[in-house]
Amino acid sequence: MKVAILTVTKGGRALGLQLKSHLPQSQLYVLPKFYEGEEGIYPIDPDLKTLVGEIFHTVDQLIFIMATGIVVRHIAPHLRDKRQDPGVLVIDEKGTNVISLLSGHIGGANSFTLKIADLLGANPVITTASDVRETMAVDTLAQSLGCRITDWQLTKKITAHIVNGGKVGIYWDKSFSIKLPESYENLEKFDDLYHQTYGIYVGNRCITLQGSNLLQLYTQNIVIGIGCRRGIDAATILEEIKSSLKEVGKRIESLKKLVTVDVKKDEEGLLEAARILNIPLEIIERQKIAEVEGLFQASSFVKETIGVGSVSEPCAYLGSGGGNLILKKRKNQGVTISIAEEEEGR
């Protein structure tokens, strides 16, 4: 986690040093007149306004030790939305109060506020309604489960329903070890969702939810092992990925990563496809594949060419931590795909 601490007073500098002792990887910024050349401490140059603009979207958490009004005026021009903005905390220079100012849920400011307040023996100030009412916002639930959200408008409506005392039905394809507040009601059957004021389905299946009151949280537990002909373009690879997922009834939103063999680590089509999907391309060494390739059907031609007899299946298997292969192998247009589902849905 990248953390920046910004201070503008002598007292703030002292508190910043105390914080940095607990967060050694953080960067502390002080006014030039309080800068003494210590490692990990930097002068605010040329001014606070410029510095905030330069670092705002490069860190995970910003801690300001100064008045809240100063912070609001300096961060306002750089705000985008809750999915992109960093967590912002404000602390008075005596370390009495730690305020979660921005991105409390997705940005992690609320949980970080509790951590910092505990380190300093300070009072945590959290104002998000779901936290004050000791329930759980939908985006916090998704974050806890490692799920992806695509319908943010409905997410906000359901969270508003919860903080106003409403209940939400929730159906899981696979159980998670998480304790839910009373505002969420576990449902035994998927069809029970259709009898709720609002409902949430947690899973990776291709399901058309009938009704504007039902939300899908996409579990990130689908892993694709992939091999391809040299020089194949990203558009063809993406077409085959989508077709393969459709064949097994899984949503592309649940795709966690692509996995391939080390000889394909510079394959531009694969790299570009991963960039477009905004997921990692994991590289597996052939030595690792050789250790498990006996579990899968091998090709003598592939063996002679790259030293192992199979790529997509062992890559899907290894990349998913030994998950369940729901598509063993699909070959088309020079692309070979295997799909695995991680066992625990994480």
Protein backbone atom coordinates (compact mmCIF):
# COMPACT_ATOMS: atom_id res chain seq x y z
CA MET A 1 0.00 0.00 0.00
CA LYS A 2 1.36 3.41 -1.02
CA VAL A 3 0.81 6.01 1.68
CA ALA A 4 1.69 9.72 1.65
CA ILE A 5 1.60 11.92 4.76
CA LEU A 6 1.39 15.70 4.24
CA THR A 7 1.98 18.28 6.97
CA VAL A 8 2.33 22.07 7.06
CA THR A 9 3.25 22.85 10.67
CA LYS A 10 6.02 22.00 13.12
CA GLY A 11 3.57 20.06 15.28
CA GLY A 12 2.27 18.28 12.21
CA ARG A 13 5.82 17.27 11.31
CA ALA A 14 6.29 15.70 14.75
CA LEU A 15 3.05 13.73 14.42
CA GLY A 16 4.01 12.77 10.86
CA LEU A 17 7.31 11.33 12.11
CA GLN A 18 5.41 9.35 14.74
CA LEU A 19 3.10 7.96 12.07
CA LYS A 20 5.99 7.16 9.75
CA SER A 21 7.61 5.07 12.50
CA HIS A 22 4.51 2.84 12.33
CA LEU A 23 4.32 3.03 8.51
CA PRO A 24 7.99 2.88 7.45
CA GLN A 25 7.21 2.59 3.72
CA SER A 26 5.16 5.80 3.73
CA GLN A 27 6.42 9.09 2.35
CA LEU A 28 6.29 12.15 4.60
CA TYR A 29 6.06 15.63 3.07
CA VAL A 30 6.85 18.75 5.14
CA LEU A 31 7.27 22.45 4.43
CA PRO A 32 10.82 23.30 3.27
CA LYS A 33 11.53 25.19 6.49
CA PHE A 34 10.91 21.96 8.47
CA TYR A 35 12.87 19.71 6.08
CA GLU A 36 16.09 18.33 7.59
CA GLY A 37 17.13 15.83 4.92
CA GLU A 38 15.98 12.64 6.63
CA GLU A 39 15.42 9.51 4.53
CA GLY A 40 11.85 9.06 3.37
CA ILE A 41 10.99 12.70 4.12
CA TYR A 42 10.53 15.24 1.33
CA PRO A 43 9.99 19.00 1.10
CA ILE A 44 6.67 20.25 -0.24
CA ASP A 45 7.84 21.71 -3.53
CA PRO A 46 6.90 24.12 -4.99
CA ASP A 47 3.68 24.29 -2.95
CA LEU A 48 0.96 22.11 -1.41
CA LYS A 49 -1.51 22.66 -4.27
CA THR A 50 0.96 21.41 -6.88
CA LEU A 51 2.11 18.46 -4.79
CA VAL A 52 -1.44 17.24 -4.14
CA GLY A 53 -2.14 17.33 -7.87
CA GLU A 54 1.02 15.37 -8.65
CA ILE A 55 0.50 12.53 -6.15
CA PHE A 56 -3.27 12.32 -5.72
CA HIS A 57 -3.84 9.44 -8.13
CA THR A 58 -0.50 7.73 -7.53
CA VAL A 59 -1.10 6.62 -3.92
CA ASP A 60 -3.60 4.39 -2.11
CA GLN A 61 -3.99 6.54 1.00
CA LEU A 62 -3.36 10.25 1.64
CA ILE A 63 -3.03 11.43 5.22
CA PHE A 64 -3.26 15.18 5.79
CA ILE A 65 -2.20 16.56 9.16
CA MET A 66 -3.91 19.95 8.93
CA ALA A 67 -7.33 21.62 8.93
CA THR A 68 -10.11 19.83 7.04
CA GLY A 69 -10.99 22.99 5.09
CA ILE A 70 -7.50 23.21 3.61
CA VAL A 71 -7.72 19.56 2.54
CA VAL A 72 -11.13 19.94 0.90
CA ARG A 73 -9.99 22.90 -1.18
CA HIS A 74 -6.82 21.15 -2.32
CA ILE A 75 -8.29 17.76 -3.27
CA ALA A 76 -11.52 19.03 -4.89
CA PRO A 77 -10.07 19.62 -8.40
CA HIS A 78 -8.74 16.06 -8.55
CA LEU A 79 -11.82 14.04 -7.57
CA ARG A 80 -13.09 11.51 -10.11
CA ASP A 81 -15.28 8.85 -8.48
CA LYS A 82 -15.25 6.35 -5.62
CA ARG A 83 -13.74 3.63 -7.83
CA GLN A 84 -10.65 5.70 -8.66
CA ASP A 85 -10.01 8.15 -5.83
CA PRO A 86 -7.58 7.24 -3.04
CA GLY A 87 -8.60 7.09 0.58
CA VAL A 88 -8.17 10.48 2.26
CA LEU A 89 -7.69 10.92 6.00
CA VAL A 90 -7.41 14.13 8.00
CA ILE A 91 -5.74 14.37 11.41
CA ASP A 92 -5.39 17.38 13.69
CA GLU A 93 -1.78 18.06 14.67
CA LYS A 94 -2.34 16.93 18.26
CA GLY A 95 -3.50 13.54 16.99
CA THR A 96 -6.85 13.74 18.79
CA ASN A 97 -9.13 12.88 15.86
CA VAL A 98 -8.62 10.84 12.69
CA ILE A 99 -11.27 11.65 10.07
CA SER A 100 -12.15 9.41 7.15
CA LEU A 101 -12.83 12.12 4.56
CA LEU A 102 -12.97 10.37 1.18
CA SER A 103 -13.36 6.88 -0.33
CA GLY A 104 -14.34 5.26 2.93
CA HIS A 105 -15.42 1.94 1.46
CA ILE A 106 -13.77 1.08 -1.85
CA GLY A 107 -10.78 3.34 -1.20
CA GLY A 108 -10.34 1.75 2.21
CA ALA A 109 -10.28 5.04 4.16
CA ASN A 110 -12.65 3.81 6.86
CA SER A 111 -10.63 0.73 7.75
CA PHE A 112 -7.39 2.71 7.48
CA THR A 113 -8.84 5.37 9.78
CA LEU A 114 -9.51 2.72 12.42
CA LYS A 115 -5.95 1.45 12.05
CA ILE A 116 -4.35 4.89 12.32
CA ALA A 117 -6.57 5.87 15.25
CA ASP A 118 -5.52 2.71 17.05
CA LEU A 119 -1.83 3.44 16.41
CA LEU A 120 -2.15 6.98 17.72
CA GLY A 121 -4.66 6.32 20.49
CA ALA A 122 -6.95 8.79 18.70
CA ASN A 123 -10.69 9.06 18.11
CA PRO A 124 -11.74 7.63 14.70
CA VAL A 125 -14.35 9.78 12.95
CA ILE A 126 -16.36 7.83 10.37
CA THR A 127 -19.56 9.32 8.95
CA THR A 128 -20.73 6.85 6.28
CA ALA A 129 -24.27 5.84 7.17
CA SER A 130 -23.80 2.09 6.81
CA ASP A 131 -20.87 2.14 9.25
CA VAL A 132 -22.64 4.40 11.73
CA ARG A 133 -25.66 2.07 11.68
CA GLU A 134 -23.32 -0.93 12.01
CA THR A 135 -24.53 -2.53 8.81
CA MET A 136 -22.64 -3.12 5.53
CA ALA A 137 -22.79 -1.18 2.28
CA VAL A 138 -23.03 -3.27 -0.89
CA ASP A 139 -19.68 -2.03 -2.20
CA THR A 140 -18.07 -3.00 1.11
CA LEU A 141 -19.64 -6.46 0.83
CA ALA A 142 -18.28 -6.83 -2.72
CA GLN A 143 -14.84 -5.71 -1.60
CA SER A 144 -14.85 -8.19 1.30
CA LEU A 145 -15.76 -11.01 -1.08
CA GLY A 146 -13.35 -9.91 -3.81
CA CYS A 147 -16.28 -9.46 -6.19
CA ARG A 148 -16.68 -7.09 -9.10
CA ILE A 149 -19.56 -4.62 -9.44
CA THR A 150 -20.75 -3.31 -12.81
CA ASP A 151 -24.10 -1.68 -11.93
CA TRP A 152 -23.12 1.15 -9.60
CA GLN A 153 -26.48 2.93 -9.74
CA LEU A 154 -28.32 -0.12 -8.45
CA THR A 155 -25.55 -0.66 -5.89
CA LYS A 156 -26.22 2.81 -4.46
CA LYS A 157 -30.00 2.20 -4.40
CA ILE A 158 -29.61 -1.05 -2.49
CA THR A 159 -27.19 0.50 0.00
CA ALA A 160 -29.66 3.38 0.55
CA HIS A 161 -32.38 0.78 1.15
CA ILE A 162 -30.16 -0.92 3.75
CA VAL A 163 -29.22 2.24 5.67
CA ASN A 164 -32.91 3.18 5.82
CA GLY A 165 -33.65 -0.06 7.64
CA GLY A 166 -34.58 -2.29 4.71
CA LYS A 167 -33.59 -5.93 4.21
CA VAL A 168 -31.92 -7.44 1.16
CA GLY A 169 -32.11 -11.07 0.08
CA ILE A 170 -28.84 -12.67 -1.00
CA TYR A 171 -28.19 -15.93 -2.82
CA TRP A 172 -24.73 -17.47 -3.16
CA ASP A 173 -23.51 -20.06 -5.65
CA LYS A 174 -20.78 -20.93 -3.15
CA SER A 175 -20.66 -20.05 0.53
CA PHE A 176 -18.16 -17.54 1.87
CA SER A 177 -16.84 -17.37 5.41
CA ILE A 178 -18.23 -13.91 6.15
CA LYS A 179 -20.59 -12.77 8.87
CA LEU A 180 -23.36 -10.60 7.47
CA PRO A 181 -25.36 -8.01 9.42
CA GLU A 182 -29.09 -8.53 9.91
CA SER A 183 -29.90 -6.33 6.91
CA TYR A 184 -28.92 -9.24 4.66
CA GLU A 185 -31.08 -12.38 4.51
CA ASN A 186 -29.54 -15.59 3.14
CA LEU A 187 -31.85 -17.28 0.64
CA GLU A 188 -32.04 -21.04 0.07
CA LYS A 189 -33.10 -20.93 -3.58
CA PHE A 190 -32.13 -18.66 -6.46
CA ASP A 191 -35.78 -18.04 -7.38
CA ASP A 192 -36.37 -16.59 -3.92
CA LEU A 193 -34.57 -13.48 -5.20
CA TYR A 194 -37.63 -12.61 -7.25
CA HIS A 195 -39.73 -12.20 -4.10
CA GLN A 196 -37.45 -9.57 -2.51
CA THR A 197 -37.67 -5.79 -2.52
CA TYR A 198 -34.00 -5.94 -3.48
CA GLY A 199 -31.89 -9.01 -4.11
CA ILE A 200 -28.22 -9.83 -4.67
CA TYR A 201 -26.83 -12.84 -6.51
CA VAL A 202 -23.19 -13.67 -5.77
CA GLY A 203 -21.72 -15.89 -8.46
CA ASN A 204 -20.17 -16.24 -11.90
CA ARG A 205 -22.98 -17.78 -13.93
CA CYS A 206 -24.45 -16.22 -17.06
CA ILE A 207 -27.88 -15.38 -15.70
CA THR A 208 -30.28 -12.72 -16.90
CA LEU A 209 -31.69 -11.27 -13.70
CA GLN A 210 -35.34 -10.45 -14.31
CA GLY A 211 -36.08 -7.12 -12.68
CA SER A 212 -34.41 -3.79 -12.01
CA ASN A 213 -34.11 -4.61 -8.29
CA LEU A 214 -31.64 -7.51 -8.63
CA LEU A 215 -27.87 -7.11 -8.61
CA GLN A 216 -25.12 -9.57 -9.48
CA LEU A 217 -21.79 -9.46 -7.64
CA TYR A 218 -19.29 -11.23 -9.88
CA THR A 219 -16.97 -13.60 -8.03
CA GLN A 220 -13.40 -13.36 -9.35
CA ASN A 221 -12.69 -17.08 -9.59
CA ILE A 222 -12.50 -17.98 -13.29
CA VAL A 223 -9.01 -18.65 -14.66
CA ILE A 224 -8.19 -19.22 -18.33
CA GLY A 225 -5.16 -21.21 -19.41
CA ILE A 226 -4.28 -20.20 -22.93
CA GLY A 227 -1.92 -21.03 -25.76
CA CYS A 228 -1.86 -19.56 -29.25
CA ARG A 229 -0.15 -19.52 -32.58
CA ARG A 230 2.72 -17.02 -32.82
CA GLY A 231 1.62 -13.57 -34.03
CA ILE A 232 -2.12 -14.02 -33.49
CA ASP A 233 -3.98 -10.76 -32.86
CA ALA A 234 -5.75 -9.70 -29.66
CA ALA A 235 -9.15 -9.44 -31.37
CA THR A 236 -9.09 -13.14 -32.28
CA ILE A 237 -7.96 -14.09 -28.79
CA LEU A 238 -10.76 -12.05 -27.19
CA GLU A 239 -13.31 -13.59 -29.54
CA GLU A 240 -12.23 -17.09 -28.49
CA ILE A 241 -12.21 -16.17 -24.80
CA LYS A 242 -15.79 -14.90 -25.02
CA SER A 243 -16.93 -17.96 -26.97
CA SER A 244 -15.28 -20.31 -24.50
CA LEU A 245 -16.85 -18.61 -21.49
CA LYS A 246 -20.25 -18.69 -23.19
CA GLU A 247 -19.81 -22.44 -23.79
CA VAL A 248 -19.46 -23.08 -20.03
CA GLY A 249 -22.04 -20.47 -18.99
CA LYS A 250 -19.65 -18.15 -17.14
CA ARG A 251 -19.52 -14.37 -17.13
CA ILE A 252 -16.48 -12.55 -18.48
CA GLU A 253 -16.81 -10.18 -15.51
CA SER A 254 -15.71 -13.11 -13.29
CA LEU A 255 -12.51 -13.69 -15.26
CA LYS A 256 -9.63 -13.29 -12.81
CA LYS A 257 -6.59 -13.78 -15.04
CA LEU A 258 -5.09 -15.35 -18.15
CA VAL A 259 -2.30 -17.88 -17.69
CA THR A 260 0.21 -19.06 -20.28
CA VAL A 261 3.61 -20.72 -20.63
CA ASP A 262 6.88 -18.79 -20.35
CA VAL A 263 7.68 -19.04 -24.09
CA LYS A 264 4.59 -16.90 -24.71
CA LYS A 265 5.48 -14.15 -22.23
CA ASP A 266 6.19 -11.66 -25.02
CA GLU A 267 3.25 -12.65 -27.25
CA GLU A 268 1.78 -9.24 -28.08
CA GLY A 269 -1.72 -10.54 -28.81
CA LEU A 270 -1.93 -12.13 -25.36
CA LEU A 271 -0.48 -9.08 -23.64
CA GLU A 272 -2.92 -6.78 -25.42
CA ALA A 273 -5.91 -9.04 -24.66
CA ALA A 274 -5.03 -8.98 -20.96
CA ARG A 275 -4.71 -5.18 -21.07
CA ILE A 276 -8.12 -4.82 -22.73
CA LEU A 277 -9.71 -7.13 -20.15
CA ASN A 278 -7.83 -5.30 -17.38
CA ILE A 279 -6.62 -8.55 -15.83
CA PRO A 280 -3.14 -10.02 -15.27
CA LEU A 281 -1.37 -12.33 -17.70
CA GLU A 282 0.35 -14.85 -15.44
CA ILE A 283 3.39 -16.70 -16.78
CA ILE A 284 4.10 -20.31 -15.77
CA GLU A 285 7.59 -21.72 -16.18
CA ARG A 286 7.86 -24.90 -18.24
CA GLN A 287 9.54 -26.64 -15.31
CA LYS A 288 6.36 -26.16 -13.27
CA ILE A 289 4.20 -27.42 -16.12
CA ALA A 290 6.40 -30.50 -16.48
CA GLU A 291 5.65 -31.41 -12.87
CA VAL A 292 1.92 -31.76 -13.57
CA GLU A 293 1.66 -32.42 -17.31
CA GLY A 294 1.14 -36.12 -16.68
CA LEU A 295 -2.36 -35.24 -15.49
CA PHE A 296 -3.32 -33.98 -18.95
CA GLN A 297 -3.42 -35.12 -22.55
CA ALA A 298 -0.13 -34.27 -24.24
CA SER A 299 0.85 -33.45 -27.81
CA SER A 300 4.13 -34.90 -29.11
CA PHE A 301 4.45 -31.96 -31.53
CA VAL A 302 4.09 -29.40 -28.72
CA LYS A 303 6.51 -31.44 -26.61
CA GLU A 304 9.15 -31.35 -29.35
CA THR A 305 8.58 -27.66 -29.97
CA ILE A 306 8.64 -26.16 -26.45
CA GLY A 307 9.64 -29.02 -24.15
CA VAL A 308 6.24 -29.71 -22.55
CA GLY A 309 3.34 -31.57 -24.13
CA SER A 310 0.48 -29.37 -22.97
CA VAL A 311 -0.06 -25.69 -22.23
CA SER A 312 -3.64 -24.53 -21.69
CA GLU A 313 -4.81 -27.27 -19.29
CA PRO A 314 -1.83 -27.26 -16.89
CA CYS A 315 -1.76 -23.46 -16.99
CA ALA A 316 -5.44 -23.26 -16.03
CA TYR A 317 -4.89 -25.88 -13.34
CA LEU A 318 -1.80 -24.24 -11.84
CA GLY A 319 -3.11 -20.71 -12.19
CA SER A 320 -6.26 -21.61 -10.27
CA GLY A 321 -4.39 -23.36 -7.48
CA GLY A 322 -5.61 -26.78 -8.55
CA GLY A 323 -9.14 -25.66 -9.35
CA ASN A 324 -11.84 -27.56 -11.19
CA LEU A 325 -11.38 -27.70 -14.98
CA ILE A 326 -14.80 -26.80 -16.37
CA LEU A 327 -13.51 -26.64 -19.96
CA LYS A 328 -10.68 -29.04 -20.62
CA LYS A 329 -9.58 -27.81 -24.01
CA ARG A 330 -11.08 -25.79 -26.85
CA LYS A 331 -9.12 -25.15 -30.05
CA ASN A 332 -10.18 -22.66 -32.68
CA GLN A 333 -8.56 -20.02 -34.92
CA GLY A 334 -5.10 -20.83 -33.60
CA VAL A 335 -6.12 -20.31 -29.95
CA THR A 336 -6.31 -23.09 -27.35
CA ILE A 337 -8.24 -22.39 -24.17
CA SER A 338 -8.87 -24.29 -20.94
CA ILE A 339 -11.00 -22.87 -18.13
CA ALA A 340 -10.70 -23.57 -14.41
CA GLU A 341 -12.87 -22.45 -11.52
CA GLU A 342 -11.14 -21.80 -8.22
CA GLU A 343 -12.59 -24.03 -5.53
CA GLU A 344 -13.29 -21.44 -2.84
CA GLY A 345 -14.56 -18.63 -5.08
CA ARG A 346 -11.75 -16.30 -4.03
